[in-house]
Amino acid sequence: MLTLRQSAFDRLETDLFKRLEQQIQTAERVPAAEVHETETAYSICLELPGVARDSIDVKATDRNLVISAERRAPQPESNEATSAALLSEIRYGTWSRSFRFPSGIDREAVQAVYRDGLLTVEVPKAQTLTSVSVKVEG
């Protein structure tokens, strides 16, 4: 039997699948990370295949580390015929990832090395923490 009206469930299901498909297509993908801690430092390793070294930015504050980068789409050679991709699962664009540490870090001594698609950031822990006493007036 053919019905002319679509049930509310059918519409919900159709709308849900459309939205899910849109989210998957536009989802921001951040690189996988591994964080280790020793007595004196934290070590962060991120997978960044296909990212140019000059597009990586590492910033450190008292307890935070922010890593951002851009994966640029390859530019076709001038003599190469332009073609559309039949399938593309590679995400291009910018992303940013931040890490907050439980204790202070020595932001002046942070070191980053990028080799073979892996970014390794060594983040020494702060040796001294500063505090300020505030006189309460009243």
C-alpha atoms as a PDB file:
ATOM      1  CA  MET A   1       0.000   0.000   0.000  1.00  0.00           C
ATOM      2  CA  LEU A   2       1.357   3.393  -0.967  1.00  0.00           C
ATOM      3  CA  THR A   3       0.937   6.287   1.436  1.00  0.00           C
ATOM      4  CA  LEU A   4       1.199   9.891   0.411  1.00  0.00           C
ATOM      5  CA  ARG A   5       2.311  11.128   3.802  1.00  0.00           C
ATOM      6  CA  GLN A   6       5.580  10.337   5.413  1.00  0.00           C
ATOM      7  CA  SER A   7       5.451   9.323   9.058  1.00  0.00           C
ATOM      8  CA  ALA A   8       7.191  11.449  11.685  1.00  0.00           C
ATOM      9  CA  PHE A   9       9.605   8.601  12.336  1.00  0.00           C
ATOM     10  CA  ASP A  10      10.581   8.368   8.660  1.00  0.00           C
ATOM     11  CA  ARG A  11      11.214  12.127   8.501  1.00  0.00           C
ATOM     12  CA  LEU A  12      13.237  12.016  11.713  1.00  0.00           C
ATOM     13  CA  GLU A  13      15.311   9.126  10.408  1.00  0.00           C
ATOM     14  CA  THR A  14      15.937  10.866   7.068  1.00  0.00           C
ATOM     15  CA  ASP A  15      16.852  14.159   8.747  1.00  0.00           C
ATOM     16  CA  LEU A  16      19.084  12.370  11.244  1.00  0.00           C
ATOM     17  CA  PHE A  17      21.022  10.564   8.531  1.00  0.00           C
ATOM     18  CA  LYS A  18      21.417  13.767   6.502  1.00  0.00           C
ATOM     19  CA  ARG A  19      22.752  15.667   9.513  1.00  0.00           C
ATOM     20  CA  LEU A  20      25.073  12.841  10.480  1.00  0.00           C
ATOM     21  CA  GLU A  21      26.458  12.673   6.955  1.00  0.00           C
ATOM     22  CA  GLN A  22      27.045  16.447   6.955  1.00  0.00           C
ATOM     23  CA  GLN A  23      28.830  16.266  10.309  1.00  0.00           C
ATOM     24  CA  ILE A  24      31.071  13.464   9.108  1.00  0.00           C
ATOM     25  CA  GLN A  25      31.969  15.426   5.975  1.00  0.00           C
ATOM     26  CA  THR A  26      32.812  18.599   7.885  1.00  0.00           C
ATOM     27  CA  ALA A  27      34.162  17.074  11.089  1.00  0.00           C
ATOM     28  CA  GLU A  28      37.379  18.535  12.368  1.00  0.00           C
ATOM     29  CA  ARG A  29      39.972  15.843  12.716  1.00  0.00           C
ATOM     30  CA  VAL A  30      42.715  16.402  15.218  1.00  0.00           C
ATOM     31  CA  PRO A  31      45.846  14.288  15.230  1.00  0.00           C
ATOM     32  CA  ALA A  32      46.285  11.390  17.593  1.00  0.00           C
ATOM     33  CA  ALA A  33      48.427  12.223  20.610  1.00  0.00           C
ATOM     34  CA  GLU A  34      50.394  10.353  23.219  1.00  0.00           C
ATOM     35  CA  VAL A  35      51.340  12.068  26.504  1.00  0.00           C
ATOM     36  CA  HIS A  36      53.921  10.726  28.946  1.00  0.00           C
ATOM     37  CA  GLU A  37      55.046  12.065  32.317  1.00  0.00           C
ATOM     38  CA  THR A  38      58.313  11.642  34.174  1.00  0.00           C
ATOM     39  CA  GLU A  39      59.409  13.231  37.422  1.00  0.00           C
ATOM     40  CA  THR A  40      60.896  16.211  35.589  1.00  0.00           C
ATOM     41  CA  ALA A  41      58.943  16.615  32.353  1.00  0.00           C
ATOM     42  CA  TYR A  42      55.996  15.835  30.114  1.00  0.00           C
ATOM     43  CA  SER A  43      56.443  14.457  26.620  1.00  0.00           C
ATOM     44  CA  ILE A  44      53.811  14.838  23.909  1.00  0.00           C
ATOM     45  CA  CYS A  45      53.942  13.041  20.578  1.00  0.00           C
ATOM     46  CA  LEU A  46      51.480  13.900  17.783  1.00  0.00           C
ATOM     47  CA  GLU A  47      50.965  12.221  14.414  1.00  0.00           C
ATOM     48  CA  LEU A  48      51.229  14.881  11.695  1.00  0.00           C
ATOM     49  CA  PRO A  49      51.760  13.121   8.358  1.00  0.00           C
ATOM     50  CA  GLY A  50      51.762  15.437   5.372  1.00  0.00           C
ATOM     51  CA  VAL A  51      52.164  18.609   7.445  1.00  0.00           C
ATOM     52  CA  ALA A  52      54.923  21.049   6.498  1.00  0.00           C
ATOM     53  CA  ARG A  53      57.294  21.928   9.345  1.00  0.00           C
ATOM     54  CA  ASP A  54      56.791  25.667   8.805  1.00  0.00           C
ATOM     55  CA  SER A  55      53.019  25.387   9.355  1.00  0.00           C
ATOM     56  CA  ILE A  56      53.402  23.975  12.900  1.00  0.00           C
ATOM     57  CA  ASP A  57      53.022  26.427  15.790  1.00  0.00           C
ATOM     58  CA  VAL A  58      53.747  25.523  19.430  1.00  0.00           C
ATOM     59  CA  LYS A  59      52.873  27.983  22.213  1.00  0.00           C
ATOM     60  CA  ALA A  60      53.379  27.519  25.945  1.00  0.00           C
ATOM     61  CA  THR A  61      51.936  29.371  28.923  1.00  0.00           C
ATOM     62  CA  ASP A  62      52.275  28.680  32.656  1.00  0.00           C
ATOM     63  CA  ARG A  63      50.315  25.405  32.551  1.00  0.00           C
ATOM     64  CA  ASN A  64      49.126  25.058  28.942  1.00  0.00           C
ATOM     65  CA  LEU A  65      50.590  23.967  25.649  1.00  0.00           C
ATOM     66  CA  VAL A  66      48.779  24.840  22.417  1.00  0.00           C
ATOM     67  CA  ILE A  67      49.810  23.131  19.177  1.00  0.00           C
ATOM     68  CA  SER A  68      48.308  24.186  15.873  1.00  0.00           C
ATOM     69  CA  ALA A  69      49.126  23.375  12.275  1.00  0.00           C
ATOM     70  CA  GLU A  70      47.784  23.327   8.759  1.00  0.00           C
ATOM     71  CA  ARG A  71      47.741  20.516   6.249  1.00  0.00           C
ATOM     72  CA  ARG A  72      47.679  22.130   2.830  1.00  0.00           C
ATOM     73  CA  ALA A  73      46.111  20.448  -0.168  1.00  0.00           C
ATOM     74  CA  PRO A  74      48.686  19.543  -2.812  1.00  0.00           C
ATOM     75  CA  GLN A  75      48.886  21.961  -5.724  1.00  0.00           C
ATOM     76  CA  PRO A  76      48.840  20.332  -9.173  1.00  0.00           C
ATOM     77  CA  GLU A  77      51.839  20.909 -11.416  1.00  0.00           C
ATOM     78  CA  SER A  78      51.253  23.574 -14.061  1.00  0.00           C
ATOM     79  CA  ASN A  79      51.542  21.046 -16.904  1.00  0.00           C
ATOM     80  CA  GLU A  80      49.405  18.440 -15.114  1.00  0.00           C
ATOM     81  CA  ALA A  81      45.763  18.120 -16.160  1.00  0.00           C
ATOM     82  CA  THR A  82      43.316  19.194 -13.467  1.00  0.00           C
ATOM     83  CA  SER A  83      41.152  16.337 -12.250  1.00  0.00           C
ATOM     84  CA  ALA A  84      38.582  15.900  -9.531  1.00  0.00           C
ATOM     85  CA  ALA A  85      39.240  13.307  -6.849  1.00  0.00           C
ATOM     86  CA  LEU A  86      37.143  10.171  -7.110  1.00  0.00           C
ATOM     87  CA  LEU A  87      37.515   9.610  -3.357  1.00  0.00           C
ATOM     88  CA  SER A  88      39.065  11.893  -0.762  1.00  0.00           C
ATOM     89  CA  GLU A  89      39.284  10.920   2.906  1.00  0.00           C
ATOM     90  CA  ILE A  90      42.253  13.150   3.622  1.00  0.00           C
ATOM     91  CA  ARG A  91      41.352  16.246   5.624  1.00  0.00           C
ATOM     92  CA  TYR A  92      43.048  19.497   4.730  1.00  0.00           C
ATOM     93  CA  GLY A  93      42.917  22.705   6.686  1.00  0.00           C
ATOM     94  CA  THR A  94      43.912  24.037  10.079  1.00  0.00           C
ATOM     95  CA  TRP A  95      43.421  22.582  13.517  1.00  0.00           C
ATOM     96  CA  SER A  96      44.482  23.368  17.062  1.00  0.00           C
ATOM     97  CA  ARG A  97      44.936  21.191  20.106  1.00  0.00           C
ATOM     98  CA  SER A  98      45.688  22.233  23.674  1.00  0.00           C
ATOM     99  CA  PHE A  99      47.021  20.379  26.690  1.00  0.00           C
ATOM    100  CA  ARG A 100      46.659  21.563  30.299  1.00  0.00           C
ATOM    101  CA  PHE A 101      49.124  20.201  32.818  1.00  0.00           C
ATOM    102  CA  PRO A 102      48.406  19.624  36.514  1.00  0.00           C
ATOM    103  CA  SER A 103      51.457  21.653  37.556  1.00  0.00           C
ATOM    104  CA  GLY A 104      53.441  24.563  36.157  1.00  0.00           C
ATOM    105  CA  ILE A 105      55.788  24.111  33.213  1.00  0.00           C
ATOM    106  CA  ASP A 106      59.073  25.761  32.286  1.00  0.00           C
ATOM    107  CA  ARG A 107      57.835  27.429  29.130  1.00  0.00           C
ATOM    108  CA  GLU A 108      61.277  28.852  28.270  1.00  0.00           C
ATOM    109  CA  ALA A 109      62.739  25.326  27.997  1.00  0.00           C
ATOM    110  CA  VAL A 110      60.076  23.683  25.812  1.00  0.00           C
ATOM    111  CA  GLN A 111      61.596  21.900  22.808  1.00  0.00           C
ATOM    112  CA  ALA A 112      59.857  20.512  19.716  1.00  0.00           C
ATOM    113  CA  VAL A 113      61.224  18.136  17.076  1.00  0.00           C
ATOM    114  CA  TYR A 114      59.378  17.180  13.874  1.00  0.00           C
ATOM    115  CA  ARG A 115      60.637  14.106  12.048  1.00  0.00           C
ATOM    116  CA  ASP A 116      58.981  11.497   9.810  1.00  0.00           C
ATOM    117  CA  GLY A 117      55.471  12.855  10.384  1.00  0.00           C
ATOM    118  CA  LEU A 118      55.757  12.834  14.190  1.00  0.00           C
ATOM    119  CA  LEU A 119      55.960  15.963  16.338  1.00  0.00           C
ATOM    120  CA  THR A 120      57.582  15.370  19.728  1.00  0.00           C
ATOM    121  CA  VAL A 121      57.376  18.157  22.293  1.00  0.00           C
ATOM    122  CA  GLU A 122      59.393  17.972  25.513  1.00  0.00           C
ATOM    123  CA  VAL A 123      57.866  20.105  28.260  1.00  0.00           C
ATOM    124  CA  PRO A 124      59.982  20.418  31.432  1.00  0.00           C
ATOM    125  CA  LYS A 125      58.123  20.882  34.708  1.00  0.00           C
ATOM    126  CA  ALA A 126      58.693  24.157  36.521  1.00  0.00           C
ATOM    127  CA  GLN A 127      61.261  23.815  39.298  1.00  0.00           C
ATOM    128  CA  THR A 128      59.814  26.601  41.399  1.00  0.00           C
ATOM    129  CA  LEU A 129      56.325  27.921  41.688  1.00  0.00           C
ATOM    130  CA  THR A 130      55.806  31.526  42.607  1.00  0.00           C
ATOM    131  CA  SER A 131      53.146  32.756  44.961  1.00  0.00           C
ATOM    132  CA  VAL A 132      52.105  36.180  46.109  1.00  0.00           C
ATOM    133  CA  SER A 133      50.865  37.175  49.533  1.00  0.00           C
ATOM    134  CA  VAL A 134      48.082  39.724  49.509  1.00  0.00           C
ATOM    135  CA  LYS A 135      47.440  41.920  52.517  1.00  0.00           C
ATOM    136  CA  VAL A 136      43.769  42.117  53.352  1.00  0.00           C
ATOM    137  CA  GLU A 137      42.708  45.613  54.245  1.00  0.00           C
ATOM    138  CA  GLY A 138      39.540  46.532  55.942  1.00  0.00           C
END
